[in-house]
Amino acid sequence: MHQRGDEFRRLAGRQQGIFLIGVDSPIAAIVAEKAIQDHAAKHQHSWVDGVYIGGFAAAGINGWPDMEIFKGEEMYRHVKNITRVTHLPAMADADTGYGGIHDTIRTVTEYFTVTGVVALHIEDQVTPKRCGHIAGKHVLTLEEFLGKLKAAIDTKNEIDPSLVIVARTDAYNAANFKETLGFDGDLEEIVRRARAFVEIGADAVWAEFPNPDKKSFEAFARAMEGHLPPLGITFNFSSSFPWHKSKNRITREELNQMGAKVLFNTYQIITEKTVHDYNLVTDFCGKQDPGAVLSRRMLSLNGHPMESFKKTIKVEEYQDIEAKYSALAKKNLERSKGFKAGDSEII
């Protein structure tokens, strides 16, 4: 019998694993799905397979830092709204489970029974947590976290064993751990924790690192040989990493060879969006005639797959539904002016 997580597991089981692009909103998920489909149609292949719904982008799109100010119920609604508009495999950030054992069980239940995600990750930070690349991280004892993680795994298995739980540790650079000799974080502790996660049934393990340099991940992967979970190790191609400065940055091919199968970029879309928004407003600031700005920008969009926002958000389909069920709505569509099916309007 087909189960919800089967496709995610199939994709992750390939040599190249699965790659998810971080989206910050429903419209970003719609655009991501179209871009993936268009690229695959043109090139018969896409290196991007699905979407990742992270807490950093969720908090950021609401103007907050990722420091657990954006709460569990808000994140659940955010995830639900995004998975409503895409058929792509989706993994979501469940942070710390948003509290204790009961909160964790509720979080896993709601994510997997009401939203469309097929995978989630839960981490070992104390509450309130923070982005793994913001200073001040502090982690639970392994014993405390294993209880929450086991509750999450058991809850998932009761709902649908094909669904995926990724167990994450932030102990490498946490305030309450030391550095392992020769490394810039606590390699020994993340290995101890990751092996324990696998023993109690985690589908994949994730150790967050401060940079994309090969040395730390390679040592972690080597220590996990013989202890890998079904979906291996995950890796975050984080926008926080100094990619342009790293002289020994790890590649996707190297990650795959080391047992990394679940790969993702967490929030590049939202950082690109802020740059674009700033530039757009600056353009208006520098022109007395707003119409001149709009005309030039519309011309630059002509022929782009995203040239019609009304088509992107499926205005035509909603109009068709109105006309199907309401004679008055159909009459109004025919008699009034404005965007309707068949128009090639830019924006």
Protein backbone atom coordinates (compact mmCIF):
# COMPACT_ATOMS: atom_id res chain seq x y z
CA MET A 1 0.00 0.00 0.00
CA HIS A 2 1.29 3.45 -0.93
CA GLN A 3 2.19 5.56 2.07
CA ARG A 4 2.84 9.30 2.20
CA GLY A 5 6.57 9.17 2.82
CA ASP A 6 7.38 6.64 0.10
CA GLU A 7 8.34 9.17 -2.58
CA PHE A 8 10.58 11.14 -0.20
CA ARG A 9 12.34 7.94 0.79
CA ARG A 10 12.69 6.85 -2.84
CA LEU A 11 14.31 10.14 -3.80
CA ALA A 12 16.59 10.11 -0.77
CA GLY A 13 17.64 6.57 -1.60
CA ARG A 14 19.24 7.56 -4.89
CA GLN A 15 22.99 8.11 -5.19
CA GLN A 16 22.37 11.88 -5.42
CA GLY A 17 19.90 11.83 -2.55
CA ILE A 18 17.15 14.43 -2.29
CA PHE A 19 17.62 18.21 -2.39
CA LEU A 20 15.04 20.63 -0.97
CA ILE A 21 14.91 24.38 -1.56
CA GLY A 22 13.88 26.55 1.39
CA VAL A 23 10.66 28.52 0.84
CA ASP A 24 9.36 31.33 3.03
CA SER A 25 5.72 31.53 1.94
CA PRO A 26 3.00 29.85 -0.15
CA ILE A 27 3.79 32.03 -3.17
CA ALA A 28 7.47 31.01 -2.94
CA ALA A 29 6.38 27.35 -2.97
CA ILE A 30 4.20 27.94 -6.05
CA VAL A 31 7.11 29.60 -7.86
CA ALA A 32 9.55 26.87 -6.76
CA GLU A 33 7.29 24.11 -8.08
CA LYS A 34 6.91 25.81 -11.46
CA ALA A 35 10.66 26.46 -11.74
CA ILE A 36 11.44 22.81 -10.93
CA GLN A 37 8.86 21.54 -13.43
CA ASP A 38 9.97 23.94 -16.18
CA HIS A 39 13.63 23.04 -15.70
CA ALA A 40 12.90 19.31 -15.72
CA ALA A 41 10.80 19.67 -18.89
CA LYS A 42 13.60 21.56 -20.65
CA HIS A 43 16.57 19.55 -19.42
CA GLN A 44 14.94 16.19 -18.53
CA HIS A 45 16.37 16.59 -15.04
CA SER A 46 16.33 18.81 -11.96
CA TRP A 47 18.78 18.80 -9.08
CA VAL A 48 16.02 20.24 -6.86
CA ASP A 49 13.32 17.80 -5.78
CA GLY A 50 11.14 19.48 -3.17
CA VAL A 51 10.73 22.24 -0.60
CA TYR A 52 12.02 22.88 2.89
CA ILE A 53 9.96 24.99 5.32
CA GLY A 54 12.32 26.42 7.93
CA GLY A 55 11.84 28.39 11.11
CA PHE A 56 14.38 31.05 10.13
CA ALA A 57 12.41 32.01 7.02
CA ALA A 58 9.05 31.66 8.80
CA ALA A 59 10.10 34.02 11.57
CA GLY A 60 11.95 36.28 9.13
CA ILE A 61 9.00 36.78 6.78
CA ASN A 62 7.13 38.05 9.86
CA GLY A 63 9.98 40.38 10.86
CA TRP A 64 11.40 38.34 13.74
CA PRO A 65 14.74 36.60 14.28
CA ASP A 66 14.75 32.82 14.59
CA MET A 67 14.83 32.76 18.40
CA GLU A 68 11.54 30.91 19.08
CA ILE A 69 9.54 34.13 19.07
CA PHE A 70 7.51 32.58 16.24
CA LYS A 71 5.63 29.94 18.23
CA GLY A 72 4.52 26.40 17.51
CA GLU A 73 0.92 27.11 16.53
CA GLU A 74 2.05 29.91 14.22
CA MET A 75 4.61 27.63 12.60
CA TYR A 76 2.02 24.89 12.18
CA ARG A 77 -0.31 27.30 10.31
CA HIS A 78 2.63 28.53 8.22
CA VAL A 79 3.50 24.95 7.22
CA LYS A 80 -0.15 24.15 6.50
CA ASN A 81 -0.52 27.18 4.21
CA ILE A 82 2.61 26.31 2.25
CA THR A 83 1.88 22.61 1.77
CA ARG A 84 -1.65 23.50 0.63
CA VAL A 85 -0.30 24.97 -2.62
CA THR A 86 2.38 22.47 -3.65
CA HIS A 87 2.57 18.80 -4.58
CA LEU A 88 6.33 18.67 -4.05
CA PRO A 89 7.82 16.57 -1.23
CA ALA A 90 8.11 18.86 1.80
CA MET A 91 10.19 18.78 4.97
CA ALA A 92 9.47 21.19 7.83
CA ASP A 93 11.29 22.55 10.83
CA ALA A 94 9.70 21.47 14.12
CA ASP A 95 12.38 23.27 16.17
CA THR A 96 12.41 21.84 19.71
CA GLY A 97 8.91 20.41 19.47
CA TYR A 98 7.85 23.71 21.10
CA GLY A 99 8.02 22.53 24.68
CA GLY A 100 8.13 19.26 26.56
CA ILE A 101 7.11 15.73 25.66
CA HIS A 102 3.38 16.48 25.37
CA ASP A 103 4.07 19.53 23.19
CA THR A 104 6.35 17.46 20.98
CA ILE A 105 3.69 14.76 20.51
CA ARG A 106 1.14 17.43 19.61
CA THR A 107 3.53 19.09 17.15
CA VAL A 108 4.35 15.84 15.35
CA THR A 109 0.68 14.84 15.25
CA GLU A 110 -0.44 18.16 13.76
CA TYR A 111 2.39 18.35 11.25
CA PHE A 112 1.74 14.83 9.96
CA THR A 113 -2.06 14.68 10.10
CA VAL A 114 -3.17 18.15 9.02
CA THR A 115 -0.34 19.62 6.92
CA GLY A 116 1.18 18.06 3.81
CA VAL A 117 4.73 17.57 5.09
CA VAL A 118 6.23 14.10 4.84
CA ALA A 119 9.37 14.85 6.87
CA LEU A 120 10.27 17.04 9.82
CA HIS A 121 13.30 17.66 12.00
CA ILE A 122 13.48 18.17 15.73
CA GLU A 123 16.52 19.45 17.61
CA ASP A 124 18.16 19.16 21.02
CA GLN A 125 18.34 22.85 21.97
CA VAL A 126 16.71 24.14 25.13
CA THR A 127 13.61 26.32 24.85
CA PRO A 128 13.73 29.08 23.73
CA LYS A 129 15.99 27.93 20.91
CA ARG A 130 17.67 29.98 18.21
CA CYS A 131 18.94 29.53 14.69
CA GLY A 132 21.96 27.24 14.67
CA HIS A 133 24.03 30.12 13.30
CA ILE A 134 23.09 32.66 16.00
CA ALA A 135 25.29 32.72 19.11
CA GLY A 136 23.82 31.70 22.45
CA LYS A 137 22.85 28.10 21.70
CA HIS A 138 22.46 25.79 24.69
CA VAL A 139 21.45 22.14 24.40
CA LEU A 140 19.56 19.70 26.58
CA THR A 141 21.33 16.75 28.15
CA LEU A 142 21.27 13.74 25.86
CA GLU A 143 18.95 11.90 28.27
CA GLU A 144 16.39 14.73 28.20
CA PHE A 145 16.39 15.00 24.45
CA LEU A 146 16.18 11.26 23.81
CA GLY A 147 12.85 11.18 25.67
CA LYS A 148 11.40 13.89 23.41
CA LEU A 149 12.87 12.31 20.29
CA LYS A 150 11.48 8.86 21.15
CA ALA A 151 8.06 10.42 21.73
CA ALA A 152 8.28 12.06 18.28
CA ILE A 153 9.37 8.82 16.57
CA ASP A 154 6.66 6.73 18.26
CA THR A 155 4.00 9.28 17.33
CA LYS A 156 5.18 9.31 13.71
CA ASN A 157 5.15 5.52 13.52
CA GLU A 158 1.61 5.34 14.84
CA ILE A 159 0.46 7.78 12.13
CA ASP A 160 2.47 6.40 9.19
CA PRO A 161 5.88 4.67 9.49
CA SER A 162 6.87 5.87 6.01
CA LEU A 163 7.01 9.47 7.25
CA VAL A 164 10.42 10.83 8.20
CA ILE A 165 11.89 12.15 11.46
CA VAL A 166 15.30 13.82 11.22
CA ALA A 167 17.06 14.17 14.58
CA ARG A 168 19.26 17.24 14.82
CA THR A 169 21.97 18.19 17.28
CA ASP A 170 23.37 21.68 17.80
CA ALA A 171 25.94 20.48 20.34
CA TYR A 172 28.94 21.11 18.06
CA ASN A 173 29.00 24.83 18.87
CA ALA A 174 26.71 24.99 21.92
CA ALA A 175 27.63 27.09 24.94
CA ASN A 176 27.67 24.09 27.25
CA PHE A 177 30.12 21.93 25.27
CA LYS A 178 33.82 22.03 24.57
CA GLU A 179 35.94 21.82 21.45
CA THR A 180 37.41 18.50 20.38
CA LEU A 181 41.15 18.75 19.82
CA GLY A 182 41.84 19.73 16.20
CA PHE A 183 38.29 20.88 15.47
CA ASP A 184 36.33 24.12 15.92
CA GLY A 185 33.56 22.40 17.88
CA ASP A 186 32.66 19.34 19.94
CA LEU A 187 33.00 16.52 17.43
CA GLU A 188 32.99 13.82 20.10
CA GLU A 189 29.65 14.95 21.53
CA ILE A 190 27.80 15.18 18.22
CA VAL A 191 28.97 11.68 17.31
CA ARG A 192 27.79 10.36 20.69
CA ARG A 193 24.41 12.02 20.24
CA ALA A 194 23.91 11.07 16.60
CA ARG A 195 24.62 7.41 17.32
CA ALA A 196 22.10 7.50 20.16
CA PHE A 197 19.50 9.08 17.83
CA VAL A 198 19.96 6.22 15.38
CA GLU A 199 19.65 3.59 18.12
CA ILE A 200 16.15 4.77 19.07
CA GLY A 201 14.88 4.94 15.49
CA ALA A 202 15.67 8.30 13.86
CA ASP A 203 15.29 8.11 10.07
CA ALA A 204 18.19 10.53 9.49
CA VAL A 205 20.60 12.56 11.63
CA TRP A 206 21.71 16.16 11.29
CA ALA A 207 24.66 17.78 13.03
CA GLU A 208 24.77 21.53 12.41
CA PHE A 209 28.20 22.97 11.63
CA PRO A 210 29.37 26.62 11.58
CA ASN A 211 30.80 26.55 8.04
CA PRO A 212 30.90 24.41 4.87
CA ASP A 213 34.48 23.27 5.31
CA LYS A 214 35.01 19.60 4.56
CA LYS A 215 37.12 18.68 7.59
CA SER A 216 34.42 18.60 10.29
CA PHE A 217 31.72 16.90 8.23
CA GLU A 218 34.16 14.34 6.88
CA ALA A 219 35.28 13.41 10.42
CA PHE A 220 31.63 13.19 11.56
CA ALA A 221 30.67 11.00 8.61
CA ARG A 222 33.64 8.70 9.18
CA ALA A 223 32.67 8.29 12.84
CA MET A 224 29.10 7.41 11.79
CA GLU A 225 30.18 4.57 9.50
CA GLY A 226 28.39 1.44 10.68
CA HIS A 227 25.86 3.57 12.56
CA LEU A 228 23.98 5.25 9.70
CA PRO A 229 20.19 5.48 9.88
CA PRO A 230 17.98 4.50 6.89
CA LEU A 231 18.20 7.95 5.24
CA GLY A 232 21.76 8.69 6.29
CA ILE A 233 23.12 12.07 7.32
CA THR A 234 21.59 15.40 6.33
CA PHE A 235 23.46 18.54 5.31
CA ASN A 236 22.30 22.14 5.34
CA PHE A 237 23.68 24.23 2.48
CA SER A 238 23.11 27.19 4.74
CA SER A 239 23.00 30.76 3.50
CA SER A 240 24.78 31.66 6.76
CA PHE A 241 27.95 29.87 5.68
CA PRO A 242 30.76 32.03 4.21
CA TRP A 243 30.70 30.10 0.92
CA HIS A 244 32.71 32.73 -0.92
CA LYS A 245 35.49 32.59 1.68
CA SER A 246 35.71 28.86 2.23
CA LYS A 247 38.77 27.33 0.57
CA ASN A 248 37.88 23.73 1.39
CA ARG A 249 34.10 23.75 0.96
CA ILE A 250 32.35 20.44 0.65
CA THR A 251 30.51 19.50 -2.55
CA ARG A 252 27.26 17.66 -3.07
CA GLU A 253 29.07 14.75 -4.69
CA GLU A 254 31.43 14.43 -1.70
CA LEU A 255 28.48 14.56 0.69
CA ASN A 256 26.73 11.76 -1.19
CA GLN A 257 29.87 9.64 -1.03
CA MET A 258 30.00 10.16 2.75
CA GLY A 259 26.41 9.02 3.32
CA ALA A 260 24.55 12.33 3.14
CA LYS A 261 21.21 11.75 1.43
CA VAL A 262 18.88 14.52 2.67
CA LEU A 263 20.26 17.87 1.51
CA PHE A 264 18.67 21.31 1.59
CA ASN A 265 19.13 25.06 1.43
CA THR A 266 17.24 26.73 4.24
CA TYR A 267 16.55 30.38 3.47
CA GLN A 268 18.27 31.78 0.39
CA ILE A 269 14.89 32.77 -1.08
CA ILE A 270 14.07 35.18 1.75
CA THR A 271 17.54 36.77 1.71
CA GLU A 272 17.33 37.26 -2.06
CA LYS A 273 13.85 38.74 -1.61
CA THR A 274 15.06 41.43 0.79
CA VAL A 275 17.78 42.48 -1.66
CA HIS A 276 15.26 42.63 -4.52
CA ASP A 277 12.73 44.59 -2.42
CA TYR A 278 15.38 47.09 -1.36
CA ASN A 279 16.48 47.63 -4.94
CA LEU A 280 12.88 48.06 -6.12
CA VAL A 281 12.07 50.69 -3.51
CA THR A 282 15.35 52.46 -4.27
CA ASP A 283 14.31 52.56 -7.92
CA PHE A 284 11.09 54.36 -6.98
CA CYS A 285 13.00 56.70 -4.65
CA GLY A 286 15.20 57.80 -7.54
CA LYS A 287 12.43 58.55 -10.05
CA GLN A 288 9.90 61.39 -9.89
CA ASP A 289 7.53 59.53 -12.25
CA PRO A 290 6.43 56.15 -10.77
CA GLY A 291 4.94 55.22 -14.14
CA ALA A 292 8.37 55.30 -15.74
CA VAL A 293 9.65 52.78 -13.20
CA LEU A 294 6.65 50.50 -13.72
CA SER A 295 6.89 50.66 -17.49
CA ARG A 296 10.59 49.77 -17.54
CA ARG A 297 10.20 46.91 -15.07
CA MET A 298 7.17 45.45 -16.88
CA LEU A 299 9.06 45.46 -20.17
CA SER A 300 11.91 43.59 -18.50
CA LEU A 301 9.44 40.87 -17.43
CA ASN A 302 7.94 40.32 -20.86
CA GLY A 303 8.32 36.64 -21.74
CA HIS A 304 9.43 35.57 -18.25
CA PRO A 305 7.60 32.51 -16.80
CA MET A 306 6.52 34.70 -13.87
CA GLU A 307 5.43 37.71 -15.94
CA SER A 308 1.76 37.37 -14.91
CA PHE A 309 1.29 37.24 -11.16
CA LYS A 310 -2.46 36.79 -11.66
CA LYS A 311 -1.79 33.61 -13.63
CA THR A 312 0.71 32.43 -11.02
CA ILE A 313 -1.90 32.64 -8.26
CA LYS A 314 -4.50 31.02 -10.58
CA VAL A 315 -7.05 33.84 -10.80
CA GLU A 316 -8.49 32.16 -13.94
CA GLU A 317 -9.18 28.89 -12.12
CA TYR A 318 -11.00 30.67 -9.32
CA GLN A 319 -13.05 32.64 -11.87
CA ASP A 320 -13.98 29.37 -13.62
CA ILE A 321 -15.22 27.93 -10.32
CA GLU A 322 -17.32 31.05 -9.69
CA ALA A 323 -18.84 30.83 -13.17
CA LYS A 324 -19.58 27.11 -12.75
CA TYR A 325 -21.63 27.55 -9.59
CA SER A 326 -23.08 31.05 -10.02
CA ALA A 327 -24.92 32.35 -13.08
CA LEU A 328 -24.61 35.87 -11.71
CA ALA A 329 -20.84 35.51 -11.28
CA LYS A 330 -20.58 34.22 -14.87
CA LYS A 331 -22.59 37.17 -16.16
CA ASN A 332 -20.48 39.65 -14.17
CA LEU A 333 -17.26 38.14 -15.55
CA GLU A 334 -18.52 38.54 -19.09
CA ARG A 335 -19.77 42.11 -18.66
CA SER A 336 -17.04 43.69 -16.53
CA LYS A 337 -13.53 44.76 -17.43
CA GLY A 338 -10.41 43.37 -15.81
CA PHE A 339 -8.19 40.30 -15.95
CA LYS A 340 -9.92 37.11 -17.12
CA ALA A 341 -9.08 33.84 -18.85
CA GLY A 342 -7.13 34.29 -22.05
CA ASP A 343 -5.52 37.60 -21.11
CA SER A 344 -1.74 37.85 -21.49
CA GLU A 345 -1.36 40.67 -19.01
CA ILE A 346 2.09 41.28 -17.52
CA ILE A 347 1.95 41.34 -13.71
